[in-house]
Amino acid sequence: MFNHLLPHSSTSNNSPFDRKAMVLLCSKSHNNNLNKIRSLEEKIYRNNFVLNSLNKIINNKKIKK
C-alpha cells in the first residue's frame, strides 16, 4: 500500500501477462461534505465497473482453457 505522497514506481511489465491495478479510497464515516458529494449513483457505477471488469477477466480465462 502506498500513500499518494510517497514516491513510488514499478519496472516495465516484461511478462506475457497483463498487469492489473486497483485503487481503493477510504474516508471517515462521519457525515461531512465529502460523503454528501458521493452519490448513490456514483457508488453503483464504481461497483459495477469493478465487477464487470473482473467478470471479463474471469470469462477470458475460461475461454482460453
PDB file of N, CA and C in Angstrom:
ATOM      1  N   MET A   1       0.842  -1.167   0.000  1.00  0.00           N
ATOM      2  CA  MET A   1       0.000   0.000   0.000  1.00  0.00           C
ATOM      3  C   MET A   1       0.890   1.234   0.000  1.00  0.00           C
ATOM      4  N   PHE A   2       0.439   2.239  -0.716  1.00  0.00           N
ATOM      5  CA  PHE A   2       1.209   3.467  -0.806  1.00  0.00           C
ATOM      6  C   PHE A   2       0.354   4.661  -0.423  1.00  0.00           C
ATOM      7  N   ASN A   3       0.952   5.597   0.221  1.00  0.00           N
ATOM      8  CA  ASN A   3       0.344   6.898   0.413  1.00  0.00           C
ATOM      9  C   ASN A   3       0.645   7.688  -0.855  1.00  0.00           C
ATOM     10  N   HIS A   4      -0.290   8.505  -1.307  1.00  0.00           N
ATOM     11  CA  HIS A   4      -0.086   9.251  -2.548  1.00  0.00           C
ATOM     12  C   HIS A   4       1.073  10.240  -2.458  1.00  0.00           C
ATOM     13  N   LEU A   5       1.522  10.553  -1.277  1.00  0.00           N
ATOM     14  CA  LEU A   5       2.633  11.495  -1.120  1.00  0.00           C
ATOM     15  C   LEU A   5       3.997  10.815  -1.193  1.00  0.00           C
ATOM     16  N   LEU A   6       4.031   9.492  -1.128  1.00  0.00           N
ATOM     17  CA  LEU A   6       5.299   8.777  -1.203  1.00  0.00           C
ATOM     18  C   LEU A   6       5.702   8.543  -2.651  1.00  0.00           C
ATOM     19  N   PRO A   7       6.964   8.821  -2.997  1.00  0.00           N
ATOM     20  CA  PRO A   7       7.397   8.486  -4.357  1.00  0.00           C
ATOM     21  C   PRO A   7       7.439   6.966  -4.521  1.00  0.00           C
ATOM     22  N   HIS A   8       6.895   6.473  -5.607  1.00  0.00           N
ATOM     23  CA  HIS A   8       6.899   5.041  -5.853  1.00  0.00           C
ATOM     24  C   HIS A   8       6.761   4.775  -7.348  1.00  0.00           C
ATOM     25  N   SER A   9       7.215   3.628  -7.754  1.00  0.00           N
ATOM     26  CA  SER A   9       7.115   3.242  -9.171  1.00  0.00           C
ATOM     27  C   SER A   9       7.346   1.742  -9.276  1.00  0.00           C
ATOM     28  N   SER A  10       7.186   1.236 -10.472  1.00  0.00           N
ATOM     29  CA  SER A  10       7.498  -0.166 -10.726  1.00  0.00           C
ATOM     30  C   SER A  10       8.153  -0.263 -12.101  1.00  0.00           C
ATOM     31  N   THR A  11       8.867  -1.341 -12.313  1.00  0.00           N
ATOM     32  CA  THR A  11       9.532  -1.520 -13.604  1.00  0.00           C
ATOM     33  C   THR A  11       8.512  -1.878 -14.671  1.00  0.00           C
ATOM     34  N   SER A  12       8.908  -1.820 -15.912  1.00  0.00           N
ATOM     35  CA  SER A  12       8.033  -2.178 -17.025  1.00  0.00           C
ATOM     36  C   SER A  12       7.615  -3.632 -16.920  1.00  0.00           C
ATOM     37  N   ASN A  13       6.418  -3.902 -17.389  1.00  0.00           N
ATOM     38  CA  ASN A  13       5.916  -5.272 -17.374  1.00  0.00           C
ATOM     39  C   ASN A  13       6.462  -6.004 -18.589  1.00  0.00           C
ATOM     40  N   ASN A  14       7.441  -6.861 -18.378  1.00  0.00           N
ATOM     41  CA  ASN A  14       8.053  -7.612 -19.476  1.00  0.00           C
ATOM     42  C   ASN A  14       7.490  -9.025 -19.592  1.00  0.00           C
ATOM     43  N   SER A  15       6.502  -9.336 -18.790  1.00  0.00           N
ATOM     44  CA  SER A  15       5.918 -10.674 -18.829  1.00  0.00           C
ATOM     45  C   SER A  15       4.831 -10.730 -19.904  1.00  0.00           C
ATOM     46  N   PRO A  16       4.412 -11.922 -20.285  1.00  0.00           N
ATOM     47  CA  PRO A  16       3.339 -12.045 -21.267  1.00  0.00           C
ATOM     48  C   PRO A  16       1.963 -11.813 -20.650  1.00  0.00           C
ATOM     49  N   PHE A  17       1.908 -11.524 -19.358  1.00  0.00           N
ATOM     50  CA  PHE A  17       0.638 -11.360 -18.658  1.00  0.00           C
ATOM     51  C   PHE A  17       0.321  -9.893 -18.427  1.00  0.00           C
ATOM     52  N   ASP A  18      -0.974  -9.568 -18.458  1.00  0.00           N
ATOM     53  CA  ASP A  18      -1.399  -8.204 -18.177  1.00  0.00           C
ATOM     54  C   ASP A  18      -1.155  -7.869 -16.712  1.00  0.00           C
ATOM     55  N   ARG A  19      -0.881  -6.626 -16.460  1.00  0.00           N
ATOM     56  CA  ARG A  19      -0.734  -6.145 -15.089  1.00  0.00           C
ATOM     57  C   ARG A  19      -2.018  -5.409 -14.728  1.00  0.00           C
ATOM     58  N   LYS A  20      -2.524  -5.686 -13.562  1.00  0.00           N
ATOM     59  CA  LYS A  20      -3.745  -5.047 -13.097  1.00  0.00           C
ATOM     60  C   LYS A  20      -3.424  -4.200 -11.882  1.00  0.00           C
ATOM     61  N   ALA A  21      -4.173  -3.130 -11.726  1.00  0.00           N
ATOM     62  CA  ALA A  21      -4.026  -2.272 -10.555  1.00  0.00           C
ATOM     63  C   ALA A  21      -5.414  -1.951 -10.021  1.00  0.00           C
ATOM     64  N   MET A  22      -5.481  -1.754  -8.738  1.00  0.00           N
ATOM     65  CA  MET A  22      -6.748  -1.388  -8.117  1.00  0.00           C
ATOM     66  C   MET A  22      -6.495  -0.204  -7.201  1.00  0.00           C
ATOM     67  N   VAL A  23      -7.391   0.756  -7.258  1.00  0.00           N
ATOM     68  CA  VAL A  23      -7.290   1.935  -6.413  1.00  0.00           C
ATOM     69  C   VAL A  23      -8.436   1.890  -5.414  1.00  0.00           C
ATOM     70  N   LEU A  24      -8.098   1.981  -4.151  1.00  0.00           N
ATOM     71  CA  LEU A  24      -9.100   1.976  -3.091  1.00  0.00           C
ATOM     72  C   LEU A  24      -9.071   3.326  -2.381  1.00  0.00           C
ATOM     73  N   LEU A  25     -10.234   3.891  -2.184  1.00  0.00           N
ATOM     74  CA  LEU A  25     -10.340   5.163  -1.486  1.00  0.00           C
ATOM     75  C   LEU A  25     -10.997   4.932  -0.141  1.00  0.00           C
ATOM     76  N   CYS A  26     -10.465   5.566   0.880  1.00  0.00           N
ATOM     77  CA  CYS A  26     -11.036   5.441   2.221  1.00  0.00           C
ATOM     78  C   CYS A  26     -11.292   6.832   2.771  1.00  0.00           C
ATOM     79  N   SER A  27     -12.363   6.943   3.531  1.00  0.00           N
ATOM     80  CA  SER A  27     -12.634   8.210   4.211  1.00  0.00           C
ATOM     81  C   SER A  27     -13.337   7.911   5.519  1.00  0.00           C
ATOM     82  N   LYS A  28     -13.344   8.883   6.391  1.00  0.00           N
ATOM     83  CA  LYS A  28     -14.027   8.716   7.670  1.00  0.00           C
ATOM     84  C   LYS A  28     -15.521   8.591   7.418  1.00  0.00           C
ATOM     85  N   SER A  29     -16.207   7.878   8.281  1.00  0.00           N
ATOM     86  CA  SER A  29     -17.619   7.622   8.066  1.00  0.00           C
ATOM     87  C   SER A  29     -18.531   8.706   8.639  1.00  0.00           C
ATOM     88  N   HIS A  30     -17.974   9.722   9.268  1.00  0.00           N
ATOM     89  CA  HIS A  30     -18.832  10.763   9.810  1.00  0.00           C
ATOM     90  C   HIS A  30     -19.448  11.590   8.679  1.00  0.00           C
ATOM     91  N   ASN A  31     -20.530  12.223   8.963  1.00  0.00           N
ATOM     92  CA  ASN A  31     -21.281  12.964   7.954  1.00  0.00           C
ATOM     93  C   ASN A  31     -20.587  14.295   7.648  1.00  0.00           C
ATOM     94  N   ASN A  32     -20.040  14.412   6.444  1.00  0.00           N
ATOM     95  CA  ASN A  32     -19.403  15.657   6.025  1.00  0.00           C
ATOM     96  C   ASN A  32     -19.708  15.894   4.553  1.00  0.00           C
ATOM     97  N   ASN A  33     -19.205  16.969   4.010  1.00  0.00           N
ATOM     98  CA  ASN A  33     -19.492  17.315   2.614  1.00  0.00           C
ATOM     99  C   ASN A  33     -18.987  16.269   1.638  1.00  0.00           C
ATOM    100  N   LEU A  34     -17.866  15.640   1.946  1.00  0.00           N
ATOM    101  CA  LEU A  34     -17.315  14.626   1.051  1.00  0.00           C
ATOM    102  C   LEU A  34     -18.293  13.473   0.894  1.00  0.00           C
ATOM    103  N   ASN A  35     -18.898  13.028   1.995  1.00  0.00           N
ATOM    104  CA  ASN A  35     -19.868  11.946   1.920  1.00  0.00           C
ATOM    105  C   ASN A  35     -21.122  12.363   1.166  1.00  0.00           C
ATOM    106  N   LYS A  36     -21.502  13.623   1.272  1.00  0.00           N
ATOM    107  CA  LYS A  36     -22.683  14.107   0.562  1.00  0.00           C
ATOM    108  C   LYS A  36     -22.441  14.145  -0.943  1.00  0.00           C
ATOM    109  N   ILE A  37     -21.199  14.452  -1.353  1.00  0.00           N
ATOM    110  CA  ILE A  37     -20.861  14.537  -2.780  1.00  0.00           C
ATOM    111  C   ILE A  37     -20.924  13.161  -3.437  1.00  0.00           C
ATOM    112  N   ARG A  38     -20.507  12.140  -2.697  1.00  0.00           N
ATOM    113  CA  ARG A  38     -20.504  10.776  -3.232  1.00  0.00           C
ATOM    114  C   ARG A  38     -21.932  10.242  -3.267  1.00  0.00           C
ATOM    115  N   SER A  39     -22.561  10.384  -4.394  1.00  0.00           N
ATOM    116  CA  SER A  39     -23.954   9.977  -4.518  1.00  0.00           C
ATOM    117  C   SER A  39     -24.085   8.471  -4.662  1.00  0.00           C
ATOM    118  N   LEU A  40     -25.279   7.997  -4.444  1.00  0.00           N
ATOM    119  CA  LEU A  40     -25.555   6.576  -4.580  1.00  0.00           C
ATOM    120  C   LEU A  40     -25.285   6.115  -6.010  1.00  0.00           C
ATOM    121  N   GLU A  41     -25.645   6.923  -7.006  1.00  0.00           N
ATOM    122  CA  GLU A  41     -25.406   6.548  -8.398  1.00  0.00           C
ATOM    123  C   GLU A  41     -23.923   6.360  -8.689  1.00  0.00           C
ATOM    124  N   GLU A  42     -23.086   7.200  -8.114  1.00  0.00           N
ATOM    125  CA  GLU A  42     -21.642   7.079  -8.324  1.00  0.00           C
ATOM    126  C   GLU A  42     -21.124   5.789  -7.701  1.00  0.00           C
ATOM    127  N   LYS A  43     -21.597   5.463  -6.511  1.00  0.00           N
ATOM    128  CA  LYS A  43     -21.168   4.226  -5.857  1.00  0.00           C
ATOM    129  C   LYS A  43     -21.590   3.014  -6.673  1.00  0.00           C
ATOM    130  N   ILE A  44     -22.800   3.038  -7.182  1.00  0.00           N
ATOM    131  CA  ILE A  44     -23.284   1.932  -8.000  1.00  0.00           C
ATOM    132  C   ILE A  44     -22.453   1.817  -9.274  1.00  0.00           C
ATOM    133  N   TYR A  45     -22.156   2.943  -9.916  1.00  0.00           N
ATOM    134  CA  TYR A  45     -21.345   2.938 -11.139  1.00  0.00           C
ATOM    135  C   TYR A  45     -19.972   2.336 -10.867  1.00  0.00           C
ATOM    136  N   ARG A  46     -19.327   2.767  -9.796  1.00  0.00           N
ATOM    137  CA  ARG A  46     -17.987   2.268  -9.475  1.00  0.00           C
ATOM    138  C   ARG A  46     -18.018   0.774  -9.157  1.00  0.00           C
ATOM    139  N   ASN A  47     -19.002   0.346  -8.389  1.00  0.00           N
ATOM    140  CA  ASN A  47     -19.116  -1.075  -8.063  1.00  0.00           C
ATOM    141  C   ASN A  47     -19.328  -1.903  -9.322  1.00  0.00           C
ATOM    142  N   ASN A  48     -20.218  -1.454 -10.179  1.00  0.00           N
ATOM    143  CA  ASN A  48     -20.485  -2.185 -11.423  1.00  0.00           C
ATOM    144  C   ASN A  48     -19.262  -2.225 -12.324  1.00  0.00           C
ATOM    145  N   PHE A  49     -18.510  -1.135 -12.365  1.00  0.00           N
ATOM    146  CA  PHE A  49     -17.303  -1.093 -13.189  1.00  0.00           C
ATOM    147  C   PHE A  49     -16.310  -2.158 -12.739  1.00  0.00           C
ATOM    148  N   VAL A  50     -16.079  -2.234 -11.432  1.00  0.00           N
ATOM    149  CA  VAL A  50     -15.132  -3.223 -10.900  1.00  0.00           C
ATOM    150  C   VAL A  50     -15.644  -4.635 -11.157  1.00  0.00           C
ATOM    151  N   LEU A  51     -16.913  -4.883 -10.856  1.00  0.00           N
ATOM    152  CA  LEU A  51     -17.467  -6.229 -11.046  1.00  0.00           C
ATOM    153  C   LEU A  51     -17.443  -6.643 -12.511  1.00  0.00           C
ATOM    154  N   ASN A  52     -17.799  -5.735 -13.411  1.00  0.00           N
ATOM    155  CA  ASN A  52     -17.771  -6.053 -14.845  1.00  0.00           C
ATOM    156  C   ASN A  52     -16.355  -6.320 -15.331  1.00  0.00           C
ATOM    157  N   SER A  53     -15.403  -5.551 -14.853  1.00  0.00           N
ATOM    158  CA  SER A  53     -14.007  -5.758 -15.253  1.00  0.00           C
ATOM    159  C   SER A  53     -13.503  -7.114 -14.774  1.00  0.00           C
ATOM    160  N   LEU A  54     -13.809  -7.465 -13.539  1.00  0.00           N
ATOM    161  CA  LEU A  54     -13.381  -8.760 -13.020  1.00  0.00           C
ATOM    162  C   LEU A  54     -14.075  -9.907 -13.751  1.00  0.00           C
ATOM    163  N   ASN A  55     -15.349  -9.742 -14.075  1.00  0.00           N
ATOM    164  CA  ASN A  55     -16.062 -10.779 -14.832  1.00  0.00           C
ATOM    165  C   ASN A  55     -15.462 -10.985 -16.215  1.00  0.00           C
ATOM    166  N   LYS A  56     -15.039  -9.908 -16.870  1.00  0.00           N
ATOM    167  CA  LYS A  56     -14.388 -10.031 -18.181  1.00  0.00           C
ATOM    168  C   LYS A  56     -13.097 -10.833 -18.074  1.00  0.00           C
ATOM    169  N   ILE A  57     -12.319 -10.563 -17.037  1.00  0.00           N
ATOM    170  CA  ILE A  57     -11.067 -11.291 -16.833  1.00  0.00           C
ATOM    171  C   ILE A  57     -11.359 -12.769 -16.612  1.00  0.00           C
ATOM    172  N   ILE A  58     -12.330 -13.062 -15.761  1.00  0.00           N
ATOM    173  CA  ILE A  58     -12.682 -14.454 -15.469  1.00  0.00           C
ATOM    174  C   ILE A  58     -13.175 -15.152 -16.728  1.00  0.00           C
ATOM    175  N   ASN A  59     -14.048 -14.512 -17.480  1.00  0.00           N
ATOM    176  CA  ASN A  59     -14.578 -15.111 -18.703  1.00  0.00           C
ATOM    177  C   ASN A  59     -13.493 -15.342 -19.742  1.00  0.00           C
ATOM    178  N   ASN A  60     -12.557 -14.411 -19.871  1.00  0.00           N
ATOM    179  CA  ASN A  60     -11.446 -14.591 -20.822  1.00  0.00           C
ATOM    180  C   ASN A  60     -10.578 -15.774 -20.431  1.00  0.00           C
ATOM    181  N   LYS A  61     -10.360 -15.949 -19.140  1.00  0.00           N
ATOM    182  CA  LYS A  61      -9.558 -17.103 -18.683  1.00  0.00           C
ATOM    183  C   LYS A  61     -10.289 -18.409 -18.951  1.00  0.00           C
ATOM    184  N   LYS A  62     -11.619 -18.419 -18.790  1.00  0.00           N
ATOM    185  CA  LYS A  62     -12.394 -19.633 -19.067  1.00  0.00           C
ATOM    186  C   LYS A  62     -12.343 -19.990 -20.551  1.00  0.00           C
ATOM    187  N   ILE A  63     -12.389 -18.985 -21.419  1.00  0.00           N
ATOM    188  CA  ILE A  63     -12.359 -19.207 -22.864  1.00  0.00           C
ATOM    189  C   ILE A  63     -11.010 -19.769 -23.292  1.00  0.00           C
ATOM    190  N   LYS A  64      -9.929 -19.304 -22.676  1.00  0.00           N
ATOM    191  CA  LYS A  64      -8.573 -19.740 -23.047  1.00  0.00           C
ATOM    192  C   LYS A  64      -8.272 -21.171 -22.616  1.00  0.00           C
ATOM    193  N   LYS A  65      -9.053 -21.723 -21.692  1.00  0.00           N
ATOM    194  CA  LYS A  65      -8.794 -23.093 -21.197  1.00  0.00           C
ATOM    195  C   LYS A  65      -9.098 -24.121 -22.241  1.00  0.00           C
TER     196      LYS A  65
END
